[in-house]
Protein backbone atom coordinates (compact mmCIF):
# COMPACT_ATOMS: atom_id res chain seq x y z
CA MET A 1 -108.17 114.11 65.69
CA LEU A 2 -109.85 114.34 62.27
CA PRO A 3 -111.78 117.65 62.21
CA TYR A 4 -113.83 116.75 59.18
CA GLY A 5 -114.17 113.82 56.78
CA ASP A 6 -116.58 111.18 55.54
CA ALA A 7 -116.55 107.49 56.43
CA HIS A 8 -114.15 106.65 53.57
CA THR A 9 -111.66 109.28 54.77
CA THR A 10 -112.00 108.15 58.39
CA ALA A 11 -111.34 104.50 57.51
CA ASP A 12 -108.42 105.32 55.21
CA LEU A 13 -106.70 107.68 57.65
CA ALA A 14 -107.26 105.39 60.65
CA VAL A 15 -105.22 102.77 58.80
CA VAL A 16 -102.48 105.35 58.14
CA ALA A 17 -102.55 106.32 61.83
CA GLU A 18 -102.22 102.72 62.98
CA ASP A 19 -99.43 102.01 60.50
CA HIS A 20 -97.44 105.02 61.72
CA GLY A 21 -97.57 104.41 65.45
CA TRP A 22 -100.45 106.56 66.67
CA ASP A 23 -102.41 105.32 69.68
CA GLY A 24 -105.88 106.64 68.90
CA PHE A 25 -108.01 108.09 66.12
CA PHE A 26 -110.82 110.51 66.94
CA VAL A 27 -113.52 112.16 64.83
CA TRP A 28 -115.72 115.20 65.29
CA GLU A 29 -119.38 114.74 66.23
CA GLY A 30 -121.82 117.35 64.99
CA ILE A 31 -125.60 117.69 65.10
CA TRP A 32 -126.54 117.60 61.42
CA ALA A 33 -123.34 116.07 60.18
CA ILE A 34 -121.57 112.95 58.96
CA ASP A 35 -122.38 110.20 61.46
CA PRO A 36 -119.23 109.64 63.57
CA TRP A 37 -120.24 106.16 64.72
CA VAL A 38 -120.75 104.88 61.18
CA SER A 39 -117.39 106.40 60.27
CA LEU A 40 -115.68 104.80 63.27
CA ALA A 41 -117.27 101.44 62.43
CA ALA A 42 -115.66 101.70 58.99
CA ALA A 43 -112.34 102.40 60.71
CA ALA A 44 -112.83 99.52 63.15
CA VAL A 45 -113.09 96.84 60.46
CA ARG A 46 -109.87 98.03 58.80
CA THR A 47 -107.72 98.37 61.94
CA GLU A 48 -106.64 96.08 64.76
CA ARG A 49 -104.94 98.10 67.51
CA ILE A 50 -105.74 101.79 67.45
CA ARG A 51 -108.29 103.26 69.88
CA LEU A 52 -111.37 104.89 68.34
CA GLY A 53 -113.57 107.69 69.62
CA THR A 54 -115.27 111.05 69.27
CA MET A 55 -114.02 114.44 70.25
CA LEU A 56 -116.53 115.04 71.48
CA THR A 57 -120.11 113.82 71.94
CA PRO A 58 -122.59 116.46 73.25
CA LEU A 59 -124.32 114.02 75.58
CA PRO A 60 -127.15 116.37 76.72
CA ARG A 61 -128.31 116.48 73.09
CA ARG A 62 -128.30 112.72 72.65
CA ARG A 63 -130.70 109.99 73.76
CA PRO A 64 -128.54 107.96 76.18
CA TRP A 65 -130.09 104.63 75.12
CA GLU A 66 -129.26 105.27 71.47
CA LEU A 67 -125.69 106.29 72.31
CA ALA A 68 -125.34 103.20 74.52
CA GLY A 69 -126.34 100.99 71.58
CA GLN A 70 -123.92 102.74 69.21
CA THR A 71 -120.96 102.59 71.56
CA SER A 72 -121.62 99.00 72.66
CA THR A 73 -121.94 97.88 69.04
CA LEU A 74 -118.69 99.60 68.08
CA ASP A 75 -116.87 98.27 71.15
CA ASN A 76 -117.84 94.72 70.20
CA LEU A 77 -117.02 95.27 66.53
CA SER A 78 -113.57 96.69 67.37
CA GLY A 79 -112.71 94.16 70.06
CA GLY A 80 -112.84 96.71 72.90
CA ARG A 81 -111.18 99.80 71.45
CA VAL A 82 -113.74 102.57 72.02
CA ILE A 83 -113.22 105.75 74.04
CA LEU A 84 -116.25 107.97 74.63
CA SER A 85 -115.64 111.69 75.18
CA VAL A 86 -118.56 113.80 76.42
CA GLY A 87 -119.34 117.37 77.34
CA LEU A 88 -122.17 119.87 77.63
CA GLY A 89 -122.10 120.86 73.96
CA VAL A 90 -121.53 124.28 72.46
CA ALA A 91 -123.77 127.11 73.64
CA GLY A 92 -124.65 130.47 72.22
CA GLU A 93 -124.04 129.92 68.50
CA ASP A 94 -127.11 129.73 66.23
CA ARG A 95 -125.51 127.15 63.93
CA TRP A 96 -125.49 124.62 66.79
CA TRP A 97 -129.19 125.16 67.61
CA LEU A 98 -130.94 124.78 64.25
CA PHE A 99 -133.48 122.23 65.45
CA GLU A 100 -134.03 123.07 69.11
CA ASP A 101 -133.63 125.81 71.67
CA ASP A 102 -130.72 125.81 74.09
CA PRO A 103 -132.28 124.84 77.44
CA GLY A 104 -129.46 126.64 79.24
CA ARG A 105 -126.23 125.55 80.87
CA ALA A 106 -127.84 124.42 84.13
CA ALA A 107 -130.29 122.12 82.33
CA ARG A 108 -127.57 120.76 80.06
CA ALA A 109 -125.42 120.00 83.12
CA GLN A 110 -128.31 118.06 84.66
CA MET A 111 -128.80 116.17 81.40
CA LEU A 112 -125.08 115.36 81.25
CA ASP A 113 -125.15 113.90 84.77
CA GLU A 114 -128.30 111.90 84.09
CA GLY A 115 -127.01 110.74 80.71
CA LEU A 116 -123.77 109.48 82.26
CA ALA A 117 -125.66 107.66 85.01
CA MET A 118 -127.94 106.04 82.44
CA LEU A 119 -125.05 104.99 80.19
CA GLU A 120 -123.44 103.10 83.03
CA ARG A 121 -126.68 101.16 83.57
CA LEU A 122 -127.44 100.75 79.85
CA TRP A 123 -124.03 99.15 79.24
CA ARG A 124 -124.94 96.29 81.62
CA GLU A 125 -127.29 94.56 79.16
CA GLU A 126 -130.18 94.32 81.62
CA PRO A 127 -133.45 96.14 82.38
CA PHE A 128 -133.27 98.85 85.01
CA GLU A 129 -135.32 101.61 86.55
CA PHE A 130 -134.26 105.24 86.39
CA GLU A 131 -136.12 108.39 87.34
CA GLY A 132 -134.47 111.69 86.50
CA ARG A 133 -135.65 115.16 85.72
CA HIS A 134 -134.90 114.72 82.02
CA PHE A 135 -134.60 110.95 81.40
CA THR A 136 -136.50 107.94 82.72
CA SER A 137 -136.47 104.17 82.33
CA ARG A 138 -139.25 101.86 83.43
CA LEU A 139 -138.34 98.48 84.91
CA ILE A 140 -139.64 95.51 82.94
CA ASP A 141 -139.08 91.76 83.30
CA SER A 142 -137.40 91.25 79.94
CA LEU A 143 -136.38 93.09 76.81
CA VAL A 144 -137.78 92.10 73.41
CA PRO A 145 -135.75 92.41 71.32
CA PRO A 146 -132.88 91.90 73.76
CA ALA A 147 -130.61 94.77 74.78
CA PRO A 148 -127.45 95.27 72.75
CA PRO A 149 -124.51 93.15 73.97
CA ALA A 150 -122.56 94.70 76.80
CA PRO A 151 -119.28 96.37 75.80
CA VAL A 152 -116.14 94.26 75.67
CA GLN A 153 -114.38 96.68 78.02
CA LYS A 154 -115.11 96.27 81.72
CA PRO A 155 -116.44 97.70 83.89
CA ARG A 156 -117.45 100.16 81.12
CA ILE A 157 -116.29 101.93 78.01
CA PRO A 158 -113.65 104.47 79.13
CA THR A 159 -115.45 107.80 79.33
CA TRP A 160 -113.62 111.13 79.23
CA VAL A 161 -115.59 114.11 80.54
CA VAL A 162 -115.02 117.83 80.04
CA GLY A 163 -114.28 119.61 83.31
CA ALA A 164 -114.23 123.40 83.66
CA TRP A 165 -111.23 124.36 85.76
CA PRO A 166 -111.30 125.65 88.49
CA PHE A 167 -115.01 125.03 89.17
CA PRO A 168 -115.37 122.15 91.70
CA LYS A 169 -118.77 120.84 90.59
CA SER A 170 -117.69 120.44 86.98
CA MET A 171 -114.31 119.03 88.00
CA ARG A 172 -115.86 116.49 90.38
CA ARG A 173 -117.91 115.14 87.48
CA SER A 174 -114.75 114.58 85.44
CA ALA A 175 -112.89 113.07 88.38
CA ARG A 176 -115.55 110.38 88.88
CA TRP A 177 -115.20 109.02 85.35
CA ASP A 178 -112.18 107.92 83.33
CA GLY A 179 -110.54 111.06 82.01
CA TRP A 180 -110.41 114.84 82.23
CA ILE A 181 -110.80 116.97 79.09
CA PRO A 182 -109.86 120.44 80.33
CA HIS A 183 -111.82 123.58 79.70
CA TYR A 184 -110.18 126.56 81.34
CA GLN A 185 -112.67 129.14 82.54
CA PRO A 186 -111.03 131.83 84.73
CA VAL A 187 -113.09 132.97 87.69
CA ASP A 188 -112.08 136.53 86.80
CA ALA A 189 -113.72 137.18 83.42
CA SER A 190 -111.06 139.78 82.61
CA ALA A 191 -108.19 137.31 83.07
CA ASP A 192 -106.35 135.62 80.21
CA GLY A 193 -108.33 132.51 79.34
CA GLN A 194 -105.42 130.64 77.76
CA LEU A 195 -104.76 127.21 79.23
CA THR A 196 -101.07 126.79 80.10
CA PRO A 197 -99.15 123.72 81.30
CA GLU A 198 -98.99 125.29 84.76
CA ILE A 199 -102.77 125.72 84.94
CA PHE A 200 -103.26 122.23 83.49
CA GLY A 201 -100.95 120.90 86.22
CA GLU A 202 -103.03 122.57 88.92
CA GLY A 203 -106.13 120.84 87.55
CA ALA A 204 -104.31 117.51 87.36
CA ILE A 205 -103.29 117.76 91.02
CA TRP A 206 -106.87 118.62 91.98
CA ILE A 207 -108.12 115.56 90.07
CA ARG A 208 -105.63 113.28 91.85
CA GLU A 209 -106.59 114.62 95.27
CA GLN A 210 -110.31 114.38 94.53
CA ARG A 211 -110.04 110.80 93.32
CA ALA A 212 -108.02 109.89 96.42
CA THR A 213 -110.74 111.45 98.58
CA GLU A 214 -113.36 109.31 96.84
CA GLY A 215 -111.21 106.17 97.05
CA LEU A 216 -110.58 106.05 93.31
CA PRO A 217 -107.15 105.14 91.90
CA MET A 218 -105.33 107.17 89.25
CA ALA A 219 -104.30 103.97 87.45
CA GLY A 220 -106.28 103.87 84.22
CA TYR A 221 -107.37 107.51 84.51
CA ASP A 222 -106.42 109.87 81.67
CA LEU A 223 -105.57 113.56 81.52
CA ILE A 224 -106.08 114.86 77.99
CA MET A 225 -104.61 117.84 76.16
CA GLU A 226 -105.18 118.94 72.58
CA GLY A 227 -103.11 120.99 70.15
CA ALA A 228 -101.46 121.01 66.73
CA THR A 229 -97.83 120.00 66.25
CA PRO A 230 -95.77 120.32 63.05
CA ALA A 231 -95.43 117.40 60.65
CA ASP A 232 -91.98 118.38 59.39
CA ASP A 233 -90.11 118.85 62.68
CA PRO A 234 -90.33 115.88 65.08
CA LYS A 235 -88.04 117.55 67.64
CA ALA A 236 -90.20 120.69 67.75
CA ALA A 237 -93.33 118.56 68.02
CA ALA A 238 -91.89 116.68 70.99
CA GLU A 239 -90.77 119.89 72.69
CA GLN A 240 -94.27 121.33 72.26
CA VAL A 241 -95.81 118.32 73.97
CA ARG A 242 -93.16 117.88 76.69
CA PRO A 243 -94.40 120.55 79.18
CA TRP A 244 -97.90 119.11 79.02
CA ALA A 245 -96.58 115.61 79.70
CA GLN A 246 -94.57 116.98 82.61
CA ALA A 247 -97.74 118.63 83.92
CA GLY A 248 -99.43 115.21 83.97
CA ALA A 249 -101.06 114.76 80.56
CA THR A 250 -101.40 111.10 79.53
CA TRP A 251 -102.88 111.80 76.09
CA TRP A 252 -101.97 114.45 73.53
CA LEU A 253 -104.59 114.84 70.79
CA ASP A 254 -103.05 116.30 67.67
CA ALA A 255 -105.82 118.44 66.16
CA ASP A 256 -105.64 121.12 63.50
CA TRP A 257 -108.93 123.04 63.24
CA SER A 258 -107.62 125.68 60.82
CA SER A 259 -109.67 124.32 57.91
CA MET A 260 -112.76 122.19 57.34
CA ASP A 261 -112.35 121.92 53.59
CA PRO A 262 -112.52 118.15 52.95
CA ALA A 263 -109.63 117.99 50.46
CA ARG A 264 -107.33 120.19 52.58
CA VAL A 265 -108.20 118.37 55.78
CA ARG A 266 -107.47 114.97 54.25
CA GLU A 267 -104.15 116.10 52.77
CA ALA A 268 -102.95 117.85 55.93
CA SER A 269 -104.14 115.04 58.21
CA GLU A 270 -102.45 112.32 56.17
CA ARG A 271 -99.21 114.31 56.08
CA ARG A 272 -99.29 114.74 59.86
CA LEU A 273 -100.15 111.09 60.46
CA ARG A 274 -97.35 109.78 58.26
CA ALA A 275 -94.82 111.84 60.24
CA GLY A 276 -95.70 109.87 63.38
CA PRO A 277 -96.81 111.02 66.83
CA PRO A 278 -94.82 113.39 69.07
CA ARG A 279 -93.20 111.00 71.54
CA VAL A 280 -91.83 112.31 74.81
CA ASP A 281 -89.37 110.30 76.93
CA HIS A 282 -90.13 110.47 80.63
């Protein structure tokens, strides 16, 4: 996970990541920031295998039809290597709301649900009708110019969704898509809010049971955890990841958010990438 960097840095480091055995390369998506989809397109044309995505896209603050065009274009350009990660977006901090007012968590949750529903229809490369509280689409006979080509990946681009454990409504949203990005939010506000492998495991079990209830398989579904492992001690890195893998995690995103200075980020990220990913034997 590259916390900060321009398109040149993204493309260069994605090549390093692919050459050193990493499975995916993710970039940060801001509001007034370097465009992540342009950066990932630069990475796509210089790589062949590695998965590419954001961590993460604040879908309630995006126009779903524009995001559908960006992701479909990148999925075709990369030969089907896109992962889309979405969440409500950060609340409460002025720096995230320079150009608009926060409509509130409830409204953003509605917009997330409607945005996800629209994306699934938009990726089908055909006109459709949609009537939501926040987004609409009128049905027409044809599109001129035509809709962007459907993604290479079927039935859709894999979509990871933030779920607040242990809140059922938020978790059900994550369970219905293609991956769970955990956000631990204790019911007791005075409790320790640190996510542990044990708590992660409880959420993973809940996801499995919920998908079984809805007739959805776990095959192809991802459980994602994020943290920073050392570049100079592969054994320690593996031991740090192991309890999360044992708790059910299928992806570990190595992310160091300690600095957003471009030069420092590039140097530290390249050093970590060249050391290779923390592999855990099951």
